[in-house]
Amino acid sequence: MPFLYPDSSITHTPDVDINFGLGDRIQLTYENAWLRVDNPSPAKYGLGQDQLGVKWRLYDNKDSGFATSLFPQLSLNNPNHSVERGITARGASSILPMEFTKKLGPIDVNWEGGYNLVHKGPDGWLAGLVVGHEFTDRLELDAEFYSTGTFHPGTDQETLEGGLRYKIHPSFILLVMAGRSLQPAGPTQPYFVGYFGMQFLPPPHRFEKH
């Protein structure tokens, strides 16, 4: 997952996201990455923050195609030197987003909005919108708008991306995305963001969109 700026870059090499379902409505998540931070050269390497989350599907109406969920997540530093070396943020943070999905004919719409509570840093917000369509049983194309920012001081970053999901096998899905900031590239506005990923669904789970 590269985030490229004119004079710096942050790359997750790799990023690992593990999910485990508890029943039909609760999903536990864990995510972390090995980071490459080039700001400025020479590049620094280190372990990122642990991100722990619980996704709770509050409502799901299969007839109308509408669902909503709550997805609180907590990010914590590991007992290493990533903070001192400028690789990770100084303190913990937590986000509390609400997520909504709606099927409008052949189009799937997903949007979210939430608050970011930061320890030793400015609080912020996040918002996103994904619109997608399944062209075949194997291929789905998506367009995403994503926005993050802080309140004091006031900052914002909006990116626009395009991506795809391709089912190579019922338990193996290819994920690709690429995009950039809507604002001119600068110290806080990337000229490229993206990812190349592989999703594994251990048996006996079959491929499901959500």
C-alpha atoms as a PDB file:
ATOM      1  CA  MET A   1       0.000   0.000   0.000  1.00  0.00           C
ATOM      2  CA  PRO A   2       1.962   3.080  -1.210  1.00  0.00           C
ATOM      3  CA  PHE A   3       1.165   6.693  -0.261  1.00  0.00           C
ATOM      4  CA  LEU A   4       3.422   8.889  -2.410  1.00  0.00           C
ATOM      5  CA  TYR A   5       3.990  12.637  -1.878  1.00  0.00           C
ATOM      6  CA  PRO A   6       6.314  15.000  -3.788  1.00  0.00           C
ATOM      7  CA  ASP A   7       9.082  14.836  -1.153  1.00  0.00           C
ATOM      8  CA  SER A   8       8.128  11.821   0.959  1.00  0.00           C
ATOM      9  CA  SER A   9       6.385   8.463   0.963  1.00  0.00           C
ATOM     10  CA  ILE A  10       4.832   5.904   3.302  1.00  0.00           C
ATOM     11  CA  THR A  11       4.474   2.308   2.141  1.00  0.00           C
ATOM     12  CA  HIS A  12       2.887  -0.652   3.904  1.00  0.00           C
ATOM     13  CA  THR A  13       5.074  -3.600   2.876  1.00  0.00           C
ATOM     14  CA  PRO A  14       2.957  -5.562   3.584  1.00  0.00           C
ATOM     15  CA  ASP A  15      -0.290  -4.709   5.366  1.00  0.00           C
ATOM     16  CA  VAL A  16      -2.059  -7.603   7.104  1.00  0.00           C
ATOM     17  CA  ASP A  17      -5.785  -7.469   7.895  1.00  0.00           C
ATOM     18  CA  ILE A  18      -7.274 -10.468   9.739  1.00  0.00           C
ATOM     19  CA  ASN A  19     -11.027 -10.834  10.287  1.00  0.00           C
ATOM     20  CA  PHE A  20     -12.998 -13.410  12.267  1.00  0.00           C
ATOM     21  CA  GLY A  21     -16.779 -13.630  12.389  1.00  0.00           C
ATOM     22  CA  LEU A  22     -18.728 -14.339  15.569  1.00  0.00           C
ATOM     23  CA  GLY A  23     -22.216 -15.312  14.479  1.00  0.00           C
ATOM     24  CA  ASP A  24     -24.039 -13.405  11.747  1.00  0.00           C
ATOM     25  CA  ARG A  25     -23.606  -9.850  13.060  1.00  0.00           C
ATOM     26  CA  ILE A  26     -20.207  -9.463  14.771  1.00  0.00           C
ATOM     27  CA  GLN A  27     -16.752  -9.450  13.195  1.00  0.00           C
ATOM     28  CA  LEU A  28     -13.434  -9.085  15.032  1.00  0.00           C
ATOM     29  CA  THR A  29     -10.561  -7.457  13.152  1.00  0.00           C
ATOM     30  CA  TYR A  30      -6.815  -7.014  13.605  1.00  0.00           C
ATOM     31  CA  GLU A  31      -4.566  -5.022  11.275  1.00  0.00           C
ATOM     32  CA  ASN A  32      -0.912  -4.017  11.229  1.00  0.00           C
ATOM     33  CA  ALA A  33       1.770  -3.259   8.673  1.00  0.00           C
ATOM     34  CA  TRP A  34       5.512  -3.198   8.204  1.00  0.00           C
ATOM     35  CA  LEU A  35       6.136   0.437   7.275  1.00  0.00           C
ATOM     36  CA  ARG A  36       8.674   2.054   4.988  1.00  0.00           C
ATOM     37  CA  VAL A  37       8.832   5.798   5.729  1.00  0.00           C
ATOM     38  CA  ASP A  38      10.902   8.051   3.476  1.00  0.00           C
ATOM     39  CA  ASN A  39      10.658  11.549   4.950  1.00  0.00           C
ATOM     40  CA  PRO A  40      13.284  12.557   3.994  1.00  0.00           C
ATOM     41  CA  SER A  41      15.865   9.995   2.902  1.00  0.00           C
ATOM     42  CA  PRO A  42      17.223   7.634   4.060  1.00  0.00           C
ATOM     43  CA  ALA A  43      14.172   5.428   4.423  1.00  0.00           C
ATOM     44  CA  LYS A  44      13.181   4.095   7.841  1.00  0.00           C
ATOM     45  CA  TYR A  45      11.520   0.751   8.504  1.00  0.00           C
ATOM     46  CA  GLY A  46       9.442  -0.375  11.450  1.00  0.00           C
ATOM     47  CA  LEU A  47       6.261  -1.988  12.739  1.00  0.00           C
ATOM     48  CA  GLY A  48       3.124   0.145  12.628  1.00  0.00           C
ATOM     49  CA  GLN A  49       0.381   0.478  15.200  1.00  0.00           C
ATOM     50  CA  ASP A  50      -1.856  -2.454  16.107  1.00  0.00           C
ATOM     51  CA  GLN A  51      -5.395  -1.715  14.985  1.00  0.00           C
ATOM     52  CA  LEU A  52      -8.113  -3.651  16.836  1.00  0.00           C
ATOM     53  CA  GLY A  53     -11.754  -3.434  15.830  1.00  0.00           C
ATOM     54  CA  VAL A  54     -15.220  -4.873  16.324  1.00  0.00           C
ATOM     55  CA  LYS A  55     -17.728  -4.536  13.503  1.00  0.00           C
ATOM     56  CA  TRP A  56     -21.336  -4.914  14.621  1.00  0.00           C
ATOM     57  CA  ARG A  57     -24.041  -5.106  11.966  1.00  0.00           C
ATOM     58  CA  LEU A  58     -26.953  -3.314  13.569  1.00  0.00           C
ATOM     59  CA  TYR A  59     -29.499  -3.753  10.795  1.00  0.00           C
ATOM     60  CA  ASP A  60     -29.673  -5.852   7.634  1.00  0.00           C
ATOM     61  CA  ASN A  61     -32.722  -5.987   5.375  1.00  0.00           C
ATOM     62  CA  LYS A  62     -32.086  -8.354   2.489  1.00  0.00           C
ATOM     63  CA  ASP A  63     -35.360  -7.408   0.778  1.00  0.00           C
ATOM     64  CA  SER A  64     -34.557  -3.679   0.552  1.00  0.00           C
ATOM     65  CA  GLY A  65     -30.790  -4.175   0.227  1.00  0.00           C
ATOM     66  CA  PHE A  66     -30.091  -1.763   3.101  1.00  0.00           C
ATOM     67  CA  ALA A  67     -27.744  -2.475   6.007  1.00  0.00           C
ATOM     68  CA  THR A  68     -25.938  -0.446   8.656  1.00  0.00           C
ATOM     69  CA  SER A  69     -23.097  -1.266  11.034  1.00  0.00           C
ATOM     70  CA  LEU A  70     -20.952   0.252  13.770  1.00  0.00           C
ATOM     71  CA  PHE A  71     -17.196  -0.300  13.473  1.00  0.00           C
ATOM     72  CA  PRO A  72     -15.168   1.055  16.456  1.00  0.00           C
ATOM     73  CA  GLN A  73     -11.392   0.625  16.105  1.00  0.00           C
ATOM     74  CA  LEU A  74      -8.477   1.261  18.469  1.00  0.00           C
ATOM     75  CA  SER A  75      -4.874   1.884  17.318  1.00  0.00           C
ATOM     76  CA  LEU A  76      -2.019   1.218  19.772  1.00  0.00           C
ATOM     77  CA  ASN A  77       1.752   1.520  19.512  1.00  0.00           C
ATOM     78  CA  ASN A  78       3.886  -1.565  19.994  1.00  0.00           C
ATOM     79  CA  PRO A  79       6.763  -1.642  22.531  1.00  0.00           C
ATOM     80  CA  ASN A  80       9.384  -0.771  19.914  1.00  0.00           C
ATOM     81  CA  HIS A  81      11.198   2.343  18.683  1.00  0.00           C
ATOM     82  CA  SER A  82       8.819   3.294  15.863  1.00  0.00           C
ATOM     83  CA  VAL A  83       7.610   6.424  17.696  1.00  0.00           C
ATOM     84  CA  GLU A  84      11.114   7.698  18.483  1.00  0.00           C
ATOM     85  CA  ARG A  85      12.151   7.177  14.861  1.00  0.00           C
ATOM     86  CA  GLY A  86       9.138   9.056  13.503  1.00  0.00           C
ATOM     87  CA  ILE A  87       7.478   6.038  11.933  1.00  0.00           C
ATOM     88  CA  THR A  88       4.228   6.002  13.938  1.00  0.00           C
ATOM     89  CA  ALA A  89       2.134   8.575  15.797  1.00  0.00           C
ATOM     90  CA  ARG A  90       3.049   9.482  19.379  1.00  0.00           C
ATOM     91  CA  GLY A  91      -0.129   8.210  21.009  1.00  0.00           C
ATOM     92  CA  ALA A  92      -3.097   5.904  20.655  1.00  0.00           C
ATOM     93  CA  SER A  93      -6.207   6.787  18.687  1.00  0.00           C
ATOM     94  CA  SER A  94      -9.721   5.451  18.244  1.00  0.00           C
ATOM     95  CA  ILE A  95     -12.255   5.891  15.476  1.00  0.00           C
ATOM     96  CA  LEU A  96     -16.005   5.378  15.712  1.00  0.00           C
ATOM     97  CA  PRO A  97     -17.532   5.214  12.222  1.00  0.00           C
ATOM     98  CA  MET A  98     -21.042   4.315  11.147  1.00  0.00           C
ATOM     99  CA  GLU A  99     -21.250   2.373   7.894  1.00  0.00           C
ATOM    100  CA  PHE A 100     -24.203   2.046   5.535  1.00  0.00           C
ATOM    101  CA  THR A 101     -24.796  -0.080   2.432  1.00  0.00           C
ATOM    102  CA  LYS A 102     -27.626   0.102  -0.097  1.00  0.00           C
ATOM    103  CA  LYS A 103     -28.265  -1.748  -3.335  1.00  0.00           C
ATOM    104  CA  LEU A 104     -29.752   0.480  -6.044  1.00  0.00           C
ATOM    105  CA  GLY A 105     -30.565  -1.825  -8.934  1.00  0.00           C
ATOM    106  CA  PRO A 106     -27.242  -3.014 -10.395  1.00  0.00           C
ATOM    107  CA  ILE A 107     -25.255  -0.523  -8.286  1.00  0.00           C
ATOM    108  CA  ASP A 108     -23.942  -1.114  -4.759  1.00  0.00           C
ATOM    109  CA  VAL A 109     -23.454   1.999  -2.627  1.00  0.00           C
ATOM    110  CA  ASN A 110     -21.380   1.993   0.582  1.00  0.00           C
ATOM    111  CA  TRP A 111     -20.741   5.069   2.697  1.00  0.00           C
ATOM    112  CA  GLU A 112     -19.369   5.836   6.137  1.00  0.00           C
ATOM    113  CA  GLY A 113     -18.672   8.714   8.472  1.00  0.00           C
ATOM    114  CA  GLY A 114     -17.032   8.889  11.862  1.00  0.00           C
ATOM    115  CA  TYR A 115     -15.035  10.683  14.549  1.00  0.00           C
ATOM    116  CA  ASN A 116     -11.327  10.126  15.225  1.00  0.00           C
ATOM    117  CA  LEU A 117     -10.289  10.610  18.864  1.00  0.00           C
ATOM    118  CA  VAL A 118      -6.513  11.053  19.122  1.00  0.00           C
ATOM    119  CA  HIS A 119      -4.300  10.935  22.214  1.00  0.00           C
ATOM    120  CA  LYS A 120      -1.349  13.363  21.990  1.00  0.00           C
ATOM    121  CA  GLY A 121      -2.680  14.879  18.791  1.00  0.00           C
ATOM    122  CA  PRO A 122      -5.615  16.736  17.189  1.00  0.00           C
ATOM    123  CA  ASP A 123      -8.964  14.968  16.928  1.00  0.00           C
ATOM    124  CA  GLY A 124     -10.401  14.493  13.478  1.00  0.00           C
ATOM    125  CA  TRP A 125     -13.011  12.965  11.232  1.00  0.00           C
ATOM    126  CA  LEU A 126     -13.356  10.580   8.318  1.00  0.00           C
ATOM    127  CA  ALA A 127     -15.892  10.032   5.543  1.00  0.00           C
ATOM    128  CA  GLY A 128     -16.042   7.786   2.513  1.00  0.00           C
ATOM    129  CA  LEU A 129     -18.239   6.698  -0.367  1.00  0.00           C
ATOM    130  CA  VAL A 130     -17.800   3.615  -2.580  1.00  0.00           C
ATOM    131  CA  VAL A 131     -19.938   2.895  -5.646  1.00  0.00           C
ATOM    132  CA  GLY A 132     -19.522  -0.460  -7.372  1.00  0.00           C
ATOM    133  CA  HIS A 133     -21.000  -2.857  -9.896  1.00  0.00           C
ATOM    134  CA  GLU A 134     -20.533  -6.584 -10.443  1.00  0.00           C
ATOM    135  CA  PHE A 135     -19.957  -7.045 -14.170  1.00  0.00           C
ATOM    136  CA  THR A 136     -19.593 -10.824 -13.910  1.00  0.00           C
ATOM    137  CA  ASP A 137     -19.654 -13.452 -11.196  1.00  0.00           C
ATOM    138  CA  ARG A 138     -15.905 -12.897 -10.879  1.00  0.00           C
ATOM    139  CA  LEU A 139     -15.304  -9.189 -11.558  1.00  0.00           C
ATOM    140  CA  GLU A 140     -16.423  -6.130  -9.604  1.00  0.00           C
ATOM    141  CA  LEU A 141     -15.324  -2.556 -10.383  1.00  0.00           C
ATOM    142  CA  ASP A 142     -15.519   0.233  -7.785  1.00  0.00           C
ATOM    143  CA  ALA A 143     -14.996   3.979  -7.499  1.00  0.00           C
ATOM    144  CA  GLU A 144     -14.161   5.482  -4.097  1.00  0.00           C
ATOM    145  CA  PHE A 145     -14.088   8.953  -2.602  1.00  0.00           C
ATOM    146  CA  TYR A 146     -12.386   9.155   0.799  1.00  0.00           C
ATOM    147  CA  SER A 147     -11.843  12.153   3.054  1.00  0.00           C
ATOM    148  CA  THR A 148     -10.017  12.607   6.351  1.00  0.00           C
ATOM    149  CA  GLY A 149      -9.095  15.663   8.381  1.00  0.00           C
ATOM    150  CA  THR A 150      -8.408  17.237  11.766  1.00  0.00           C
ATOM    151  CA  PHE A 151     -10.235  19.981  13.670  1.00  0.00           C
ATOM    152  CA  HIS A 152      -7.540  21.976  15.520  1.00  0.00           C
ATOM    153  CA  PRO A 153      -5.615  22.751  13.409  1.00  0.00           C
ATOM    154  CA  GLY A 154      -8.011  22.344  10.525  1.00  0.00           C
ATOM    155  CA  THR A 155      -6.622  20.035   7.818  1.00  0.00           C
ATOM    156  CA  ASP A 156      -8.229  17.854   5.183  1.00  0.00           C
ATOM    157  CA  GLN A 157      -7.260  15.294   2.557  1.00  0.00           C
ATOM    158  CA  GLU A 158      -9.644  14.063  -0.137  1.00  0.00           C
ATOM    159  CA  THR A 159      -8.699  11.252  -2.484  1.00  0.00           C
ATOM    160  CA  LEU A 160     -10.430   9.644  -5.448  1.00  0.00           C
ATOM    161  CA  GLU A 161      -9.625   6.063  -6.432  1.00  0.00           C
ATOM    162  CA  GLY A 162     -10.714   3.340  -8.809  1.00  0.00           C
ATOM    163  CA  GLY A 163     -10.347  -0.353  -8.101  1.00  0.00           C
ATOM    164  CA  LEU A 164     -11.426  -3.895  -8.761  1.00  0.00           C
ATOM    165  CA  ARG A 165     -12.116  -7.194  -7.033  1.00  0.00           C
ATOM    166  CA  TYR A 166     -11.493 -10.310  -9.104  1.00  0.00           C
ATOM    167  CA  LYS A 167     -12.444 -13.742  -7.829  1.00  0.00           C
ATOM    168  CA  ILE A 168      -9.659 -16.056  -8.916  1.00  0.00           C
ATOM    169  CA  HIS A 169     -11.095 -18.874  -6.781  1.00  0.00           C
ATOM    170  CA  PRO A 170     -14.000 -19.044  -4.309  1.00  0.00           C
ATOM    171  CA  SER A 171     -11.473 -18.629  -1.497  1.00  0.00           C
ATOM    172  CA  PHE A 172      -8.964 -16.331  -3.251  1.00  0.00           C
ATOM    173  CA  ILE A 173      -9.776 -12.755  -4.383  1.00  0.00           C
ATOM    174  CA  LEU A 174      -7.486 -10.226  -6.045  1.00  0.00           C
ATOM    175  CA  LEU A 175      -7.821  -6.604  -4.841  1.00  0.00           C
ATOM    176  CA  VAL A 176      -6.382  -3.644  -6.782  1.00  0.00           C
ATOM    177  CA  MET A 177      -6.863   0.112  -6.282  1.00  0.00           C
ATOM    178  CA  ALA A 178      -5.149   3.303  -7.492  1.00  0.00           C
ATOM    179  CA  GLY A 179      -5.891   7.010  -7.117  1.00  0.00           C
ATOM    180  CA  ARG A 180      -4.652  10.391  -5.938  1.00  0.00           C
ATOM    181  CA  SER A 181      -5.565  13.519  -3.978  1.00  0.00           C
ATOM    182  CA  LEU A 182      -8.193  15.831  -5.444  1.00  0.00           C
ATOM    183  CA  GLN A 183      -6.024  18.782  -4.401  1.00  0.00           C
ATOM    184  CA  PRO A 184      -2.643  19.653  -5.948  1.00  0.00           C
ATOM    185  CA  ALA A 185       0.093  17.345  -4.682  1.00  0.00           C
ATOM    186  CA  GLY A 186       1.966  18.683  -1.667  1.00  0.00           C
ATOM    187  CA  PRO A 187       3.392  17.711   1.742  1.00  0.00           C
ATOM    188  CA  THR A 188      -0.027  16.438   2.918  1.00  0.00           C
ATOM    189  CA  GLN A 189      -1.651  15.703  -0.456  1.00  0.00           C
ATOM    190  CA  PRO A 190      -0.511  12.498  -2.219  1.00  0.00           C
ATOM    191  CA  TYR A 191      -0.056  12.299  -5.958  1.00  0.00           C
ATOM    192  CA  PHE A 192      -0.591   8.530  -5.742  1.00  0.00           C
ATOM    193  CA  VAL A 193      -2.342   6.160  -3.336  1.00  0.00           C
ATOM    194  CA  GLY A 194      -3.122   2.531  -3.965  1.00  0.00           C
ATOM    195  CA  TYR A 195      -2.892  -1.088  -2.989  1.00  0.00           C
ATOM    196  CA  PHE A 196      -2.342  -4.515  -4.457  1.00  0.00           C
ATOM    197  CA  GLY A 197      -3.776  -7.161  -2.203  1.00  0.00           C
ATOM    198  CA  MET A 198      -4.911 -10.738  -1.914  1.00  0.00           C
ATOM    199  CA  GLN A 199      -7.899 -11.814   0.161  1.00  0.00           C
ATOM    200  CA  PHE A 200      -8.003 -15.382   1.464  1.00  0.00           C
ATOM    201  CA  LEU A 201     -11.226 -16.944   2.760  1.00  0.00           C
ATOM    202  CA  PRO A 202     -10.358 -20.190   4.561  1.00  0.00           C
ATOM    203  CA  PRO A 203     -12.685 -23.145   3.905  1.00  0.00           C
ATOM    204  CA  PRO A 204     -15.521 -23.782   4.313  1.00  0.00           C
ATOM    205  CA  HIS A 205     -16.440 -20.114   3.640  1.00  0.00           C
ATOM    206  CA  ARG A 206     -17.444 -19.290   0.095  1.00  0.00           C
ATOM    207  CA  PHE A 207     -17.001 -15.978  -1.711  1.00  0.00           C
ATOM    208  CA  GLU A 208     -19.528 -13.367  -0.596  1.00  0.00           C
ATOM    209  CA  LYS A 209     -19.571  -9.697  -1.562  1.00  0.00           C
ATOM    210  CA  HIS A 210     -20.048  -8.361   1.977  1.00  0.00           C
END
